[in-house]
Amino acid sequence: MIYDQAFYEDFKDFDEEALNFDTGETIEYWIKLYWKSMMTLEDYLIKKPYSKPEVLIFESVPKEIIQVCEE
């Protein structure tokens, strides 16, 4: 949503397609919502908000530092 609103803000004056990306909220709103959703690892481990979490990494990770943890 942040990307959509940023696209709208940047192109609304000269690209009609930008109107399709208006969320009706400000970029500041989306950024505050994003940061409010963050939690510490400690809180995450206590609350376990996701039953089957996945991690997506878009860069190379040395195999020596990867560890799979299952309970």
N, C-alpha and C. Protein backbone atom coordinates (compact mmCIF):
# COMPACT_ATOMS: atom_id res chain seq x y z
N MET A 1 0.81 -1.20 0.00
CA MET A 1 0.00 0.00 0.00
C MET A 1 0.86 1.26 0.00
N ILE A 2 2.00 1.20 0.70
CA ILE A 2 2.89 2.36 0.70
C ILE A 2 3.35 2.65 -0.72
N TYR A 3 3.74 1.60 -1.44
CA TYR A 3 4.20 1.78 -2.82
C TYR A 3 3.09 2.36 -3.70
N ASP A 4 1.87 1.84 -3.56
CA ASP A 4 0.75 2.35 -4.35
C ASP A 4 0.53 3.83 -4.11
N GLN A 5 0.51 4.24 -2.84
CA GLN A 5 0.27 5.64 -2.54
C GLN A 5 1.42 6.51 -3.01
N ALA A 6 2.65 6.02 -2.89
CA ALA A 6 3.82 6.78 -3.35
C ALA A 6 3.75 6.97 -4.87
N PHE A 7 3.35 5.93 -5.60
CA PHE A 7 3.19 6.03 -7.05
C PHE A 7 2.14 7.08 -7.39
N TYR A 8 1.03 7.02 -6.69
CA TYR A 8 -0.04 7.99 -6.92
C TYR A 8 0.46 9.42 -6.68
N GLU A 9 1.12 9.63 -5.54
CA GLU A 9 1.61 10.97 -5.19
C GLU A 9 2.58 11.50 -6.25
N ASP A 10 3.45 10.63 -6.74
CA ASP A 10 4.48 11.05 -7.70
C ASP A 10 3.92 11.35 -9.09
N PHE A 11 2.89 10.62 -9.50
CA PHE A 11 2.44 10.72 -10.89
C PHE A 11 1.02 11.26 -11.08
N LYS A 12 0.33 11.63 -10.02
CA LYS A 12 -1.08 12.02 -10.13
C LYS A 12 -1.33 13.21 -11.05
N ASP A 13 -0.36 14.10 -11.19
CA ASP A 13 -0.57 15.31 -11.98
C ASP A 13 -0.37 15.11 -13.48
N PHE A 14 0.30 14.03 -13.88
CA PHE A 14 0.56 13.89 -15.32
C PHE A 14 0.40 12.46 -15.85
N ASP A 15 -0.11 11.55 -15.06
CA ASP A 15 -0.33 10.18 -15.54
C ASP A 15 -1.69 9.70 -15.03
N GLU A 16 -2.63 9.56 -15.95
CA GLU A 16 -3.99 9.17 -15.57
C GLU A 16 -4.02 7.81 -14.87
N GLU A 17 -3.10 6.92 -15.23
CA GLU A 17 -3.05 5.59 -14.60
C GLU A 17 -2.81 5.69 -13.10
N ALA A 18 -2.17 6.76 -12.65
CA ALA A 18 -1.87 6.93 -11.22
C ALA A 18 -3.15 6.94 -10.39
N LEU A 19 -4.26 7.36 -10.97
CA LEU A 19 -5.52 7.41 -10.23
C LEU A 19 -5.94 6.02 -9.73
N ASN A 20 -5.49 4.98 -10.40
CA ASN A 20 -5.81 3.61 -9.99
C ASN A 20 -5.08 3.21 -8.71
N PHE A 21 -4.11 3.99 -8.30
CA PHE A 21 -3.29 3.63 -7.15
C PHE A 21 -3.57 4.46 -5.91
N ASP A 22 -4.53 5.35 -5.97
CA ASP A 22 -4.84 6.18 -4.81
C ASP A 22 -5.54 5.33 -3.75
N THR A 23 -4.94 5.24 -2.58
CA THR A 23 -5.51 4.45 -1.49
C THR A 23 -6.48 5.26 -0.65
N GLY A 24 -6.49 6.57 -0.85
CA GLY A 24 -7.34 7.42 -0.03
C GLY A 24 -6.68 7.83 1.28
N GLU A 25 -5.47 7.36 1.50
CA GLU A 25 -4.72 7.69 2.71
C GLU A 25 -3.39 8.32 2.31
N THR A 26 -2.76 8.99 3.25
CA THR A 26 -1.46 9.60 2.98
C THR A 26 -0.34 8.58 3.13
N ILE A 27 0.80 8.90 2.55
CA ILE A 27 1.97 8.03 2.72
C ILE A 27 2.33 7.95 4.20
N GLU A 28 2.23 9.06 4.90
CA GLU A 28 2.54 9.07 6.33
C GLU A 28 1.67 8.08 7.10
N TYR A 29 0.40 8.00 6.73
CA TYR A 29 -0.52 7.05 7.37
C TYR A 29 0.00 5.62 7.20
N TRP A 30 0.36 5.26 5.96
CA TRP A 30 0.82 3.90 5.69
C TRP A 30 2.14 3.59 6.38
N ILE A 31 3.03 4.56 6.44
CA ILE A 31 4.32 4.34 7.12
C ILE A 31 4.10 4.13 8.61
N LYS A 32 3.23 4.95 9.22
CA LYS A 32 2.94 4.77 10.65
C LYS A 32 2.31 3.40 10.91
N LEU A 33 1.39 2.99 10.06
CA LEU A 33 0.75 1.69 10.20
C LEU A 33 1.78 0.56 10.08
N TYR A 34 2.70 0.71 9.13
CA TYR A 34 3.75 -0.29 8.93
C TYR A 34 4.61 -0.42 10.18
N TRP A 35 5.09 0.70 10.71
CA TRP A 35 5.97 0.64 11.88
C TRP A 35 5.22 0.19 13.13
N LYS A 36 3.95 0.52 13.22
CA LYS A 36 3.14 0.08 14.36
C LYS A 36 2.97 -1.45 14.36
N SER A 37 3.04 -2.05 13.19
CA SER A 37 2.87 -3.50 13.09
C SER A 37 4.12 -4.28 13.48
N MET A 38 5.24 -3.59 13.66
CA MET A 38 6.49 -4.26 14.01
C MET A 38 6.46 -4.77 15.45
N MET A 39 7.18 -5.86 15.70
CA MET A 39 7.31 -6.37 17.07
C MET A 39 8.72 -6.93 17.24
N THR A 40 9.15 -6.99 18.47
CA THR A 40 10.48 -7.53 18.75
C THR A 40 10.45 -9.05 18.58
N LEU A 41 11.61 -9.64 18.41
CA LEU A 41 11.69 -11.10 18.30
C LEU A 41 11.16 -11.75 19.56
N GLU A 42 11.47 -11.16 20.70
CA GLU A 42 10.99 -11.70 21.98
C GLU A 42 9.46 -11.74 22.02
N ASP A 43 8.81 -10.64 21.63
CA ASP A 43 7.35 -10.61 21.59
C ASP A 43 6.80 -11.60 20.57
N TYR A 44 7.48 -11.70 19.44
CA TYR A 44 7.04 -12.63 18.40
C TYR A 44 7.04 -14.06 18.92
N LEU A 45 8.11 -14.43 19.62
CA LEU A 45 8.21 -15.80 20.14
C LEU A 45 7.17 -16.07 21.22
N ILE A 46 6.79 -15.05 21.96
CA ILE A 46 5.75 -15.21 22.99
C ILE A 46 4.37 -15.33 22.36
N LYS A 47 4.06 -14.43 21.42
CA LYS A 47 2.72 -14.37 20.82
C LYS A 47 2.51 -15.37 19.69
N LYS A 48 3.56 -15.71 18.97
CA LYS A 48 3.49 -16.61 17.80
C LYS A 48 2.25 -16.30 16.94
N PRO A 49 2.24 -15.13 16.30
CA PRO A 49 1.06 -14.69 15.56
C PRO A 49 0.76 -15.48 14.27
N TYR A 50 1.71 -16.27 13.79
CA TYR A 50 1.49 -17.02 12.55
C TYR A 50 1.71 -18.51 12.81
N SER A 51 0.80 -19.34 12.32
CA SER A 51 0.91 -20.77 12.57
C SER A 51 2.01 -21.43 11.75
N LYS A 52 2.22 -20.98 10.52
CA LYS A 52 3.28 -21.54 9.67
C LYS A 52 4.04 -20.39 9.00
N PRO A 53 4.89 -19.71 9.75
CA PRO A 53 5.60 -18.57 9.18
C PRO A 53 6.62 -19.00 8.12
N GLU A 54 6.84 -18.13 7.14
CA GLU A 54 7.83 -18.36 6.10
C GLU A 54 8.73 -17.14 6.03
N VAL A 55 9.96 -17.37 5.66
CA VAL A 55 10.92 -16.28 5.48
C VAL A 55 11.34 -16.27 4.03
N LEU A 56 11.22 -15.13 3.38
CA LEU A 56 11.67 -14.97 2.00
C LEU A 56 12.88 -14.05 2.00
N ILE A 57 13.96 -14.52 1.41
CA ILE A 57 15.20 -13.74 1.34
C ILE A 57 15.58 -13.63 -0.12
N PHE A 58 15.83 -12.41 -0.57
CA PHE A 58 16.12 -12.18 -1.98
C PHE A 58 17.59 -11.85 -2.22
N GLU A 59 18.45 -12.49 -1.50
CA GLU A 59 19.89 -12.37 -1.72
C GLU A 59 20.55 -13.64 -1.20
N SER A 60 21.79 -13.85 -1.58
CA SER A 60 22.50 -15.06 -1.16
C SER A 60 22.77 -15.05 0.33
N VAL A 61 22.60 -16.21 0.95
CA VAL A 61 22.88 -16.37 2.38
C VAL A 61 23.83 -17.55 2.52
N PRO A 62 24.97 -17.35 3.20
CA PRO A 62 25.90 -18.47 3.38
C PRO A 62 25.24 -19.61 4.15
N LYS A 63 25.41 -20.84 3.66
CA LYS A 63 24.74 -21.98 4.29
C LYS A 63 25.19 -22.18 5.73
N GLU A 64 26.35 -21.67 6.10
CA GLU A 64 26.85 -21.83 7.46
C GLU A 64 26.01 -21.09 8.50
N ILE A 65 25.28 -20.07 8.07
CA ILE A 65 24.51 -19.30 9.05
C ILE A 65 23.02 -19.66 9.04
N ILE A 66 22.63 -20.60 8.22
CA ILE A 66 21.23 -21.00 8.16
C ILE A 66 20.99 -22.15 9.13
N GLN A 67 19.95 -21.98 9.92
CA GLN A 67 19.58 -23.01 10.88
C GLN A 67 18.06 -23.17 10.83
N VAL A 68 17.59 -24.38 10.75
CA VAL A 68 16.16 -24.64 10.73
C VAL A 68 15.73 -25.03 12.14
N CYS A 69 14.73 -24.34 12.63
CA CYS A 69 14.22 -24.62 13.98
C CYS A 69 12.78 -25.09 13.87
N GLU A 70 12.49 -26.20 14.46
CA GLU A 70 11.12 -26.71 14.50
C GLU A 70 10.80 -27.15 15.91
N GLU A 71 9.56 -26.96 16.30
CA GLU A 71 9.13 -27.39 17.63
C GLU A 71 8.23 -28.59 17.53
